[in-house]
């Protein structure tokens, strides 16, 4: 049985081109993904002309703002819990 395929040279050429493109993409993808592993330089200009803050930023207290009864109770509760865990 003989199969007659028209334009067989063009189809084979197109197949090789597709295979070549898939091979190139397969080899280039790991390189492109590897660029994300390099550390990027960070520019810290937001601390410029200011005093460098020290300590835990979550412990910053705003004494100017009036505290509600709930806020004072919550602060006392947190202090008691911290004392309990520091004792052990």
Protein backbone atom coordinates (compact mmCIF):
# COMPACT_ATOMS: atom_id res chain seq x y z
CA UNK A 1 0.00 0.00 0.00
CA UNK A 2 1.47 3.32 -1.03
CA UNK A 3 0.42 6.56 0.65
CA UNK A 4 0.61 9.64 -1.48
CA UNK A 5 1.34 12.72 0.59
CA UNK A 6 1.28 16.01 -1.17
CA UNK A 7 3.82 18.68 -0.25
CA UNK A 8 5.75 16.22 1.88
CA UNK A 9 8.93 18.31 1.82
CA UNK A 10 7.11 21.36 3.22
CA UNK A 11 5.44 19.26 5.94
CA UNK A 12 8.70 17.62 7.00
CA UNK A 13 10.44 21.01 7.02
CA UNK A 14 7.64 22.50 9.14
CA UNK A 15 7.91 19.54 11.54
CA UNK A 16 11.64 20.04 11.96
CA UNK A 17 11.13 23.75 12.56
CA UNK A 18 8.54 23.02 15.27
CA UNK A 19 10.88 20.48 16.88
CA UNK A 20 13.76 22.96 16.77
CA UNK A 21 11.62 25.69 18.37
CA UNK A 22 10.43 23.34 21.11
CA UNK A 23 14.03 22.31 21.80
CA UNK A 24 15.22 25.92 21.98
CA UNK A 25 12.34 26.88 24.29
CA UNK A 26 12.99 23.84 26.46
CA UNK A 27 16.64 24.75 26.82
CA UNK A 28 16.02 28.46 27.35
CA UNK A 29 13.23 28.12 29.94
CA UNK A 30 15.48 27.02 32.85
CA UNK A 31 17.89 29.86 32.10
CA UNK A 32 15.07 32.41 32.07
CA UNK A 33 13.62 31.02 35.30
CA UNK A 34 17.08 31.12 36.90
CA UNK A 35 17.24 34.89 36.60
CA UNK A 36 14.71 35.16 39.44
CA UNK A 37 17.08 33.48 41.91
CA UNK A 38 19.63 36.27 41.85
CA UNK A 39 19.29 38.81 44.66
CA UNK A 40 18.23 42.24 43.51
CA UNK A 41 19.78 45.36 44.98
CA UNK A 42 17.55 47.22 47.40
CA UNK A 43 17.64 50.98 47.66
CA UNK A 44 16.75 52.22 51.14
CA UNK A 45 16.04 55.86 50.53
CA UNK A 46 13.00 55.99 52.83
CA UNK A 47 15.30 56.16 55.88
CA UNK A 48 17.36 58.98 54.41
CA UNK A 49 17.51 62.18 56.49
CA UNK A 50 15.74 60.51 59.40
CA UNK A 51 16.79 58.84 62.57
CA UNK A 52 17.14 55.11 62.16
CA UNK A 53 14.40 53.43 64.20
CA UNK A 54 15.52 50.80 66.67
CA UNK A 55 13.71 48.03 68.42
CA UNK A 56 10.54 46.18 67.61
CA UNK A 57 8.24 48.35 65.46
CA UNK A 58 5.20 46.57 66.88
CA UNK A 59 5.99 47.95 70.34
CA UNK A 60 5.74 51.58 69.32
CA UNK A 61 3.32 53.27 71.68
CA UNK A 62 1.32 56.34 70.86
CA UNK A 63 0.92 58.09 74.21
CA UNK A 64 -0.82 61.11 72.66
CA UNK A 65 -3.91 59.17 71.62
CA UNK A 66 -6.56 58.61 74.28
CA UNK A 67 -7.00 54.94 75.12
CA UNK A 68 -10.33 53.32 75.58
CA UNK A 69 -11.17 51.07 78.51
CA UNK A 70 -10.99 48.05 76.19
CA UNK A 71 -7.52 49.01 74.95
CA UNK A 72 -6.23 49.40 78.52
CA UNK A 73 -7.74 46.04 79.50
CA UNK A 74 -6.19 44.38 76.46
CA UNK A 75 -2.78 45.90 77.27
CA UNK A 76 -3.03 44.59 80.83
CA UNK A 77 -4.01 41.13 79.57
CA UNK A 78 -1.06 41.02 77.17
CA UNK A 79 1.30 42.10 79.95
CA UNK A 80 0.02 39.35 82.27
CA UNK A 81 0.32 36.71 79.53
CA UNK A 82 3.87 37.84 78.68
CA UNK A 83 4.82 37.67 82.35
CA UNK A 84 3.37 34.17 82.61
CA UNK A 85 5.41 32.90 79.65
CA UNK A 86 8.57 34.67 80.78
CA UNK A 87 8.41 32.91 84.16
CA UNK A 88 8.59 29.45 82.62
